Amino acid sequence: MLDSAITSKGQTTLPKRVREALGVVPGDRVRYIILDHEVRLVPVRPLSGLFGTLRHEGPPVTLQDMDRAVAQGAAGE
């Protein structure tokens, strides 16, 4: 278990092990999620970090192709 103190301004320092577990560095942002009297701390990742994570190894797909695939999926085809 790790502890840290709260300053008079309501600030705290995240212990090194917590920063490492979250993968955060100075300048990163974190989000606080309050659920059932507990707080979860999660790193905020910008959407730009997702660029290039989905690869398509075929020809370009048009919006019409995507719409058609969605419609077929919704129809159970």
Protein backbone atom coordinates (compact mmCIF):
# COMPACT_ATOMS: atom_id res chain seq x y z
CA MET A 1 0.00 0.00 0.00
CA LEU A 2 1.25 3.46 -0.86
CA ASP A 3 0.41 6.75 0.86
CA SER A 4 0.97 10.42 0.10
CA ALA A 5 0.08 13.59 1.96
CA ILE A 6 -2.36 16.27 0.83
CA THR A 7 -1.01 19.84 0.91
CA SER A 8 -2.97 22.87 2.12
CA LYS A 9 -3.75 23.56 -1.57
CA GLY A 10 -5.25 20.09 -1.99
CA GLN A 11 -2.31 18.78 -4.00
CA THR A 12 -0.43 15.52 -3.66
CA THR A 13 2.55 13.83 -5.27
CA LEU A 14 1.98 10.50 -6.96
CA PRO A 15 4.50 8.00 -5.63
CA LYS A 16 6.99 6.71 -8.21
CA ARG A 17 5.45 3.22 -8.25
CA VAL A 18 2.03 4.72 -9.03
CA ARG A 19 3.45 6.87 -11.85
CA GLU A 20 5.20 3.82 -13.28
CA ALA A 21 2.05 1.67 -13.02
CA LEU A 22 0.04 4.34 -14.86
CA GLY A 23 2.80 5.02 -17.37
CA VAL A 24 2.64 8.77 -16.77
CA VAL A 25 5.41 11.34 -16.88
CA PRO A 26 5.56 15.05 -15.97
CA GLY A 27 3.07 17.00 -18.10
CA ASP A 28 0.69 14.06 -18.60
CA ARG A 29 -2.90 14.35 -17.41
CA VAL A 30 -4.87 11.96 -15.21
CA ARG A 31 -8.61 11.53 -14.74
CA TYR A 32 -10.37 10.84 -11.43
CA ILE A 33 -13.35 8.49 -11.56
CA ILE A 34 -15.49 8.32 -8.41
CA LEU A 35 -17.44 5.07 -7.98
CA ASP A 36 -19.09 3.82 -4.78
CA HIS A 37 -16.95 5.88 -2.37
CA GLU A 38 -13.72 4.94 -4.17
CA VAL A 39 -11.63 6.96 -6.59
CA ARG A 40 -9.90 5.47 -9.61
CA LEU A 41 -7.03 7.29 -11.22
CA VAL A 42 -6.53 6.69 -14.95
CA PRO A 43 -4.18 8.33 -17.43
CA VAL A 44 -5.73 10.55 -20.09
CA ARG A 45 -4.45 9.53 -23.51
CA PRO A 46 -4.94 11.89 -26.46
CA LEU A 47 -6.72 10.48 -29.50
CA SER A 48 -3.70 11.39 -31.61
CA GLY A 49 -1.88 8.55 -29.85
CA LEU A 50 -4.16 6.10 -31.63
CA PHE A 51 -3.05 7.20 -35.10
CA GLY A 52 -1.80 4.22 -37.07
CA THR A 53 -2.94 1.54 -34.60
CA LEU A 54 -5.47 0.10 -37.05
CA ARG A 55 -3.90 -1.08 -40.26
CA HIS A 56 -5.68 -2.08 -43.46
CA GLU A 57 -3.57 -4.12 -45.87
CA GLY A 58 -5.97 -3.95 -48.80
CA PRO A 59 -7.19 -1.36 -51.26
CA PRO A 60 -8.73 1.87 -49.91
CA VAL A 61 -12.32 1.50 -48.71
CA THR A 62 -14.91 4.15 -49.57
CA LEU A 63 -17.54 5.49 -47.19
CA GLN A 64 -20.17 3.77 -49.33
CA ASP A 65 -18.34 0.44 -48.85
CA MET A 66 -18.31 1.01 -45.09
CA ASP A 67 -22.02 1.93 -45.03
CA ARG A 68 -22.84 -1.19 -47.03
CA ALA A 69 -20.81 -3.41 -44.66
CA VAL A 70 -22.53 -1.87 -41.62
CA ALA A 71 -25.97 -2.41 -43.19
CA GLN A 72 -25.13 -6.03 -44.01
CA GLY A 73 -23.88 -6.62 -40.47
CA ALA A 74 -27.04 -5.10 -38.99
CA ALA A 75 -29.17 -7.29 -41.25
CA GLY A 76 -27.28 -10.40 -40.10
CA GLU A 77 -25.89 -11.21 -43.53
